[in-house]
């Protein structure tokens, strides 16, 4: 019985494989090999290193699902957006499996995968609004009943998640820095009152470069005064407070117009509990049903790719093996 969709994810620095049961509507296998330790010594993802690590990790992950392969109806793989050298690893393995098993191949947009991380064991609940906050993207999306995506706001420079990593790097806190900054912020107070980006600007877009510069100057001043170590928590708190206020400022403006009945928050940075709390308050004001991906599926993973692939599988949206290409950029960005 061909009742499984195999998902493969390798868009950045996580190698992941998952199996989605199309009959019982659930993830029956999910495994991921993280490269964080290898990249942490460099303060961020090194593309060439990521590519080599994917080449070693993906075959190991495939070995752990050999018993399920006779049941796989199609293989879904991330082919956009992401690091081109990383995407190649997953797409190459997916093509090999498609040929060997004589099953269809399905290219999946990584960001659409994040959207389906909300519905790993449920039918999609469109129409809805979406806040996508990850290491590479920050967007507010409007998804129609038919699943069409409109971008209502996006970042003009760094993403929300990327800004956390860069602030952590400025503070020599290691990579990835999102959770470290969040934990420190919980212990500190908003002592530095950083200016919220674009606060009085009518443009519906995000920008974190100015905020990062404020943090950089503050770090330099604290270091000069010999008080950097004593101010780590307060700098983290002030940065996180301003970054979240920036997200909420633009989101509140759009929410007031759209008044979504359903709203979802996705992406690796959606695991930030302070951000979740602010959005919960906003959704409560409008009486919106609020959706969050389970914390273990907020970051890049193959479960969401398998789930999104199932939607395309139902509609017969397959790709020709020779025609499936990688695309580092997002189609709907």
Protein backbone atom coordinates (compact mmCIF):
# COMPACT_ATOMS: atom_id res chain seq x y z
CA UNK A 1 0.00 0.00 0.00
CA UNK A 2 1.42 3.36 -1.11
CA UNK A 3 0.26 5.52 1.79
CA UNK A 4 3.29 7.63 2.72
CA UNK A 5 4.80 10.91 1.55
CA UNK A 6 8.54 11.13 2.10
CA UNK A 7 9.76 14.62 2.94
CA UNK A 8 13.37 15.84 2.59
CA UNK A 9 14.67 19.17 3.88
CA UNK A 10 18.17 20.62 3.40
CA UNK A 11 17.65 24.32 2.70
CA UNK A 12 20.23 25.61 5.19
CA UNK A 13 22.05 23.83 8.01
CA UNK A 14 19.64 21.07 9.05
CA UNK A 15 19.39 17.72 7.27
CA UNK A 16 15.97 16.18 7.82
CA UNK A 17 13.77 13.33 6.61
CA UNK A 18 10.16 12.62 7.53
CA UNK A 19 7.25 10.37 6.57
CA UNK A 20 3.65 11.56 6.45
CA UNK A 21 0.88 8.94 6.69
CA UNK A 22 -1.78 10.05 4.19
CA UNK A 23 -4.43 7.68 5.57
CA UNK A 24 -4.12 8.41 9.30
CA UNK A 25 -2.99 11.99 8.69
CA UNK A 26 0.05 12.08 10.93
CA UNK A 27 3.83 12.16 10.92
CA UNK A 28 5.05 8.62 11.61
CA UNK A 29 8.76 9.34 11.34
CA UNK A 30 10.84 12.48 11.71
CA UNK A 31 14.59 12.71 12.13
CA UNK A 32 16.95 15.64 11.86
CA UNK A 33 20.71 16.07 12.02
CA UNK A 34 21.68 19.59 13.06
CA UNK A 35 24.90 21.28 11.98
CA UNK A 36 24.81 23.95 14.71
CA UNK A 37 27.88 22.67 16.53
CA UNK A 38 30.01 22.68 13.38
CA UNK A 39 28.96 26.18 12.34
CA UNK A 40 29.04 27.74 15.82
CA UNK A 41 32.82 28.10 15.76
CA UNK A 42 32.46 30.38 12.73
CA UNK A 43 29.63 32.48 14.19
CA UNK A 44 27.19 31.55 11.43
CA UNK A 45 26.44 29.15 8.59
CA UNK A 46 29.32 28.48 6.20
CA UNK A 47 27.69 27.37 2.90
CA UNK A 48 30.51 25.09 1.71
CA UNK A 49 30.66 23.34 5.08
CA UNK A 50 26.87 22.97 5.11
CA UNK A 51 26.97 21.30 1.70
CA UNK A 52 29.57 18.74 2.81
CA UNK A 53 27.68 17.96 5.99
CA UNK A 54 24.41 17.43 4.08
CA UNK A 55 26.21 14.99 1.77
CA UNK A 56 27.22 12.91 4.80
CA UNK A 57 23.99 13.24 6.81
CA UNK A 58 21.24 12.65 4.25
CA UNK A 59 22.27 9.06 3.33
CA UNK A 60 22.41 8.19 7.04
CA UNK A 61 18.88 9.50 7.50
CA UNK A 62 17.70 7.54 4.45
CA UNK A 63 19.11 4.31 5.91
CA UNK A 64 16.78 4.68 8.89
CA UNK A 65 13.64 4.57 6.73
CA UNK A 66 14.50 1.67 4.42
CA UNK A 67 11.68 -0.48 5.80
CA UNK A 68 9.12 2.20 4.85
CA UNK A 69 10.25 2.78 1.26
CA UNK A 70 7.86 0.24 -0.33
CA UNK A 71 4.97 2.32 1.09
CA UNK A 72 6.18 5.69 -0.22
CA UNK A 73 3.85 7.14 -2.85
CA UNK A 74 5.90 10.27 -3.62
CA UNK A 75 8.97 12.14 -2.44
CA UNK A 76 8.61 15.83 -1.55
CA UNK A 77 11.75 17.92 -1.30
CA UNK A 78 12.60 21.54 -0.55
CA UNK A 79 13.87 23.14 -3.75
CA UNK A 80 13.36 26.82 -2.82
CA UNK A 81 14.34 29.15 -1.19
CA UNK A 82 17.60 28.49 0.65
CA UNK A 83 21.33 28.12 0.20
CA UNK A 84 21.88 26.73 -3.28
CA UNK A 85 24.70 24.42 -2.16
CA UNK A 86 22.47 23.02 0.59
CA UNK A 87 19.36 22.63 -1.57
CA UNK A 88 21.34 20.57 -4.07
CA UNK A 89 21.95 17.83 -1.50
CA UNK A 90 18.30 17.23 -0.73
CA UNK A 91 17.11 17.57 -4.32
CA UNK A 92 19.78 15.16 -5.55
CA UNK A 93 18.74 12.50 -3.03
CA UNK A 94 15.06 13.04 -3.85
CA UNK A 95 15.73 12.56 -7.56
CA UNK A 96 17.67 9.37 -6.90
CA UNK A 97 14.83 7.97 -4.77
CA UNK A 98 12.23 9.01 -7.31
CA UNK A 99 14.06 7.11 -10.03
CA UNK A 100 14.87 4.06 -7.90
CA UNK A 101 11.36 3.69 -6.47
CA UNK A 102 9.57 4.83 -9.64
CA UNK A 103 7.50 7.36 -7.73
CA UNK A 104 6.65 11.03 -8.41
CA UNK A 105 8.85 13.87 -7.17
CA UNK A 106 7.37 17.07 -5.74
CA UNK A 107 9.27 20.32 -5.29
CA UNK A 108 8.16 22.25 -2.19
CA UNK A 109 8.68 25.91 -1.34
CA UNK A 110 10.35 25.96 2.08
CA UNK A 111 8.21 28.88 3.28
CA UNK A 112 4.99 27.15 2.26
CA UNK A 113 6.31 24.21 4.23
CA UNK A 114 6.47 26.44 7.30
CA UNK A 115 2.81 27.36 6.76
CA UNK A 116 1.85 23.67 6.77
CA UNK A 117 3.77 23.14 10.02
CA UNK A 118 0.54 24.45 11.55
CA UNK A 119 -1.41 21.50 10.15
CA UNK A 120 0.78 18.44 10.58
CA UNK A 121 -2.17 16.36 11.75
CA UNK A 122 -5.09 18.48 10.56
CA UNK A 123 -6.61 19.83 7.38
CA UNK A 124 -5.47 23.34 6.44
CA UNK A 125 -7.66 26.12 7.84
CA UNK A 126 -7.60 28.75 5.08
CA UNK A 127 -8.28 31.64 4.73
CA UNK A 128 -5.96 33.02 7.37
CA UNK A 129 -3.25 35.53 8.09
CA UNK A 130 0.32 34.41 8.71
CA UNK A 131 3.34 35.95 10.40
CA UNK A 132 6.45 34.18 9.12
CA UNK A 133 9.54 34.89 11.21
CA UNK A 134 12.66 32.87 10.52
CA UNK A 135 16.40 33.18 10.12
CA UNK A 136 16.02 34.32 6.54
CA UNK A 137 12.55 35.83 6.22
CA UNK A 138 10.13 38.13 8.00
CA UNK A 139 6.74 38.47 6.31
CA UNK A 140 3.07 39.04 6.95
CA UNK A 141 1.03 36.95 4.55
CA UNK A 142 -2.63 36.80 3.62
CA UNK A 143 -3.75 33.37 2.42
CA UNK A 144 -7.04 33.10 0.56
CA UNK A 145 -9.57 30.31 0.81
CA UNK A 146 -8.00 28.71 -2.28
CA UNK A 147 -4.51 28.93 -0.81
CA UNK A 148 -3.25 31.89 -2.85
CA UNK A 149 -0.60 33.89 -0.98
CA UNK A 150 -0.34 37.68 -0.88
CA UNK A 151 2.66 39.34 0.79
CA UNK A 152 1.42 42.28 2.86
CA UNK A 153 4.73 43.22 4.49
CA UNK A 154 8.31 41.98 4.40
CA UNK A 155 11.74 43.01 5.59
CA UNK A 156 13.95 45.33 3.56
CA UNK A 157 17.15 44.02 5.14
CA UNK A 158 17.72 41.48 7.93
CA UNK A 159 15.05 39.15 9.19
CA UNK A 160 13.77 39.02 12.77
CA UNK A 161 15.62 35.77 13.47
CA UNK A 162 18.81 36.88 11.72
CA UNK A 163 18.94 40.05 13.82
CA UNK A 164 18.92 37.94 17.00
CA UNK A 165 21.83 35.88 15.68
CA UNK A 166 23.81 39.00 14.77
CA UNK A 167 23.25 40.64 18.14
CA UNK A 168 24.38 37.42 19.81
CA UNK A 169 27.50 37.49 17.66
CA UNK A 170 28.20 41.10 18.71
CA UNK A 171 27.97 39.95 22.32
CA UNK A 172 30.17 36.87 21.69
CA UNK A 173 27.33 34.58 22.77
CA UNK A 174 27.77 32.01 20.01
CA UNK A 175 25.60 30.71 17.18
CA UNK A 176 22.69 30.30 16.89
CA UNK A 177 21.84 33.21 19.13
CA UNK A 178 18.05 33.43 19.22
CA UNK A 179 17.45 31.31 22.30
CA UNK A 180 20.47 32.73 24.12
CA UNK A 181 19.24 36.31 23.64
CA UNK A 182 15.70 35.31 24.65
CA UNK A 183 16.93 33.66 27.85
CA UNK A 184 19.12 36.63 28.77
CA UNK A 185 16.28 39.05 28.01
CA UNK A 186 14.10 37.22 30.52
CA UNK A 187 16.64 38.07 33.22
CA UNK A 188 17.09 41.72 32.24
CA UNK A 189 15.09 44.92 31.93
CA UNK A 190 14.54 47.45 29.14
CA UNK A 191 17.29 49.71 30.41
CA UNK A 192 18.45 51.15 27.08
CA UNK A 193 15.08 51.89 25.45
CA UNK A 194 16.19 51.36 21.87
CA UNK A 195 14.17 53.20 19.23
CA UNK A 196 11.57 50.99 17.55
CA UNK A 197 12.34 50.89 13.79
CA UNK A 198 9.97 52.71 11.42
CA UNK A 199 7.62 53.48 14.29
CA UNK A 200 6.06 56.55 12.67
CA UNK A 201 6.64 55.42 9.10
CA UNK A 202 3.52 54.51 7.15
CA UNK A 203 5.37 51.95 5.04
CA UNK A 204 4.31 48.40 5.83
CA UNK A 205 7.74 46.86 5.92
CA UNK A 206 10.32 45.70 8.43
CA UNK A 207 13.90 46.84 8.93
CA UNK A 208 16.28 45.70 11.64
CA UNK A 209 19.53 47.31 10.46
CA UNK A 210 19.03 50.54 12.46
CA UNK A 211 18.17 48.63 15.61
CA UNK A 212 21.27 46.48 15.22
CA UNK A 213 23.37 49.63 14.91
CA UNK A 214 21.90 50.99 18.14
CA UNK A 215 22.86 47.74 19.85
CA UNK A 216 26.37 47.86 18.36
CA UNK A 217 26.99 51.39 19.65
CA UNK A 218 25.65 50.47 23.10
CA UNK A 219 27.88 47.40 23.26
CA UNK A 220 30.89 49.51 22.30
CA UNK A 221 30.10 52.08 25.01
CA UNK A 222 29.54 49.43 27.68
CA UNK A 223 32.79 47.69 26.70
CA UNK A 224 34.66 51.00 26.86
CA UNK A 225 33.30 51.58 30.36
CA UNK A 226 34.14 48.04 31.43
CA UNK A 227 30.46 47.27 32.02
CA UNK A 228 29.59 44.97 29.13
CA UNK A 229 29.38 41.76 31.14
CA UNK A 230 27.13 43.44 33.71
CA UNK A 231 24.78 44.68 30.98
CA UNK A 232 24.39 41.54 28.84
CA UNK A 233 20.88 40.79 30.09
CA UNK A 234 19.69 44.38 29.84
CA UNK A 235 21.07 44.82 26.31
CA UNK A 236 19.36 41.58 25.29
CA UNK A 237 16.10 42.66 26.90
CA UNK A 238 16.17 46.13 25.30
CA UNK A 239 16.95 44.66 21.89
CA UNK A 240 14.25 41.98 22.09
CA UNK A 241 11.69 44.50 23.37
CA UNK A 242 12.32 46.85 20.43
CA UNK A 243 12.44 44.03 17.85
CA UNK A 244 9.11 42.60 19.00
CA UNK A 245 7.57 46.09 19.24
CA UNK A 246 8.59 46.61 15.60
CA UNK A 247 6.87 43.39 14.55
CA UNK A 248 3.76 44.23 16.52
CA UNK A 249 3.54 47.83 15.26
CA UNK A 250 3.23 46.72 11.63
CA UNK A 251 1.13 43.67 12.48
CA UNK A 252 -1.40 45.71 14.46
CA UNK A 253 -1.88 48.09 11.52
CA UNK A 254 -2.57 45.24 9.12
CA UNK A 255 -4.66 43.30 11.63
CA UNK A 256 -6.93 46.32 12.12
CA UNK A 257 -7.73 46.22 8.41
CA UNK A 258 -7.88 42.47 7.83
CA UNK A 259 -9.47 41.37 11.12
CA UNK A 260 -8.54 37.76 10.41
CA UNK A 261 -10.73 35.09 11.96
CA UNK A 262 -7.70 32.76 11.92
CA UNK A 263 -4.06 33.70 12.31
CA UNK A 264 -0.90 31.60 12.36
CA UNK A 265 2.70 32.22 13.40
CA UNK A 266 5.43 30.13 11.79
CA UNK A 267 9.19 29.93 11.28
CA UNK A 268 12.11 29.20 13.56
CA UNK A 269 11.85 32.53 15.39
CA UNK A 270 8.17 31.88 16.16
CA UNK A 271 9.45 29.81 19.08
CA UNK A 272 10.22 33.08 20.88
CA UNK A 273 7.82 33.03 23.82
CA UNK A 274 7.79 36.80 24.31
CA UNK A 275 6.68 37.27 20.69
CA UNK A 276 4.05 34.56 21.10
CA UNK A 277 2.65 36.30 24.15
CA UNK A 278 2.25 39.63 22.32
CA UNK A 279 0.50 37.96 19.40
CA UNK A 280 -1.79 36.04 21.73
CA UNK A 281 -2.89 39.37 23.24
CA UNK A 282 -3.55 40.82 19.78
CA UNK A 283 -5.52 37.79 18.60
CA UNK A 284 -7.61 37.92 21.76
CA UNK A 285 -8.58 41.53 21.04
CA UNK A 286 -9.95 40.52 17.63
CA UNK A 287 -11.32 37.16 18.71
CA UNK A 288 -9.09 35.34 16.24
CA UNK A 289 -8.33 31.64 16.41
CA UNK A 290 -4.55 31.48 16.85
CA UNK A 291 -2.30 28.75 15.45
CA UNK A 292 1.30 28.00 16.42
CA UNK A 293 3.44 25.16 15.13
CA UNK A 294 4.60 22.75 17.86
CA UNK A 295 7.92 24.04 19.19
CA UNK A 296 9.83 21.06 17.81
CA UNK A 297 8.57 21.88 14.31
CA UNK A 298 9.15 25.65 14.33
CA UNK A 299 12.65 25.39 12.91
CA UNK A 300 13.49 23.81 9.55
CA UNK A 301 12.22 20.24 9.34
CA UNK A 302 11.13 17.63 6.81
CA UNK A 303 7.78 16.98 8.50
CA UNK A 304 6.39 20.26 7.19
CA UNK A 305 7.81 19.50 3.74
CA UNK A 306 6.10 16.11 3.67
CA UNK A 307 2.84 17.71 4.82
CA UNK A 308 3.00 20.46 2.21
CA UNK A 309 3.98 17.87 -0.38
CA UNK A 310 0.82 15.91 0.39
CA UNK A 311 -1.29 18.91 -0.66
CA UNK A 312 0.42 18.93 -4.05
CA UNK A 313 0.21 15.14 -4.26
CA UNK A 314 -3.59 15.24 -3.83
CA UNK A 315 -3.81 17.68 -6.73
CA UNK A 316 -1.47 15.72 -8.96
CA UNK A 317 1.08 18.55 -8.95
CA UNK A 318 4.20 16.55 -9.75
CA UNK A 319 7.51 17.66 -11.21
CA UNK A 320 9.54 16.14 -13.99
CA UNK A 321 12.82 14.91 -12.53
CA UNK A 322 14.90 16.66 -15.16
CA UNK A 323 12.89 19.88 -14.82
CA UNK A 324 13.05 20.21 -11.03
CA UNK A 325 15.54 22.98 -10.32
CA UNK A 326 16.70 24.71 -7.18
CA UNK A 327 15.83 28.36 -6.60
CA UNK A 328 17.68 30.19 -3.78
CA UNK A 329 15.09 32.99 -3.80
CA UNK A 330 11.43 32.92 -2.82
CA UNK A 331 8.90 33.02 -5.65
CA UNK A 332 6.26 34.98 -3.78
CA UNK A 333 8.70 37.37 -2.04
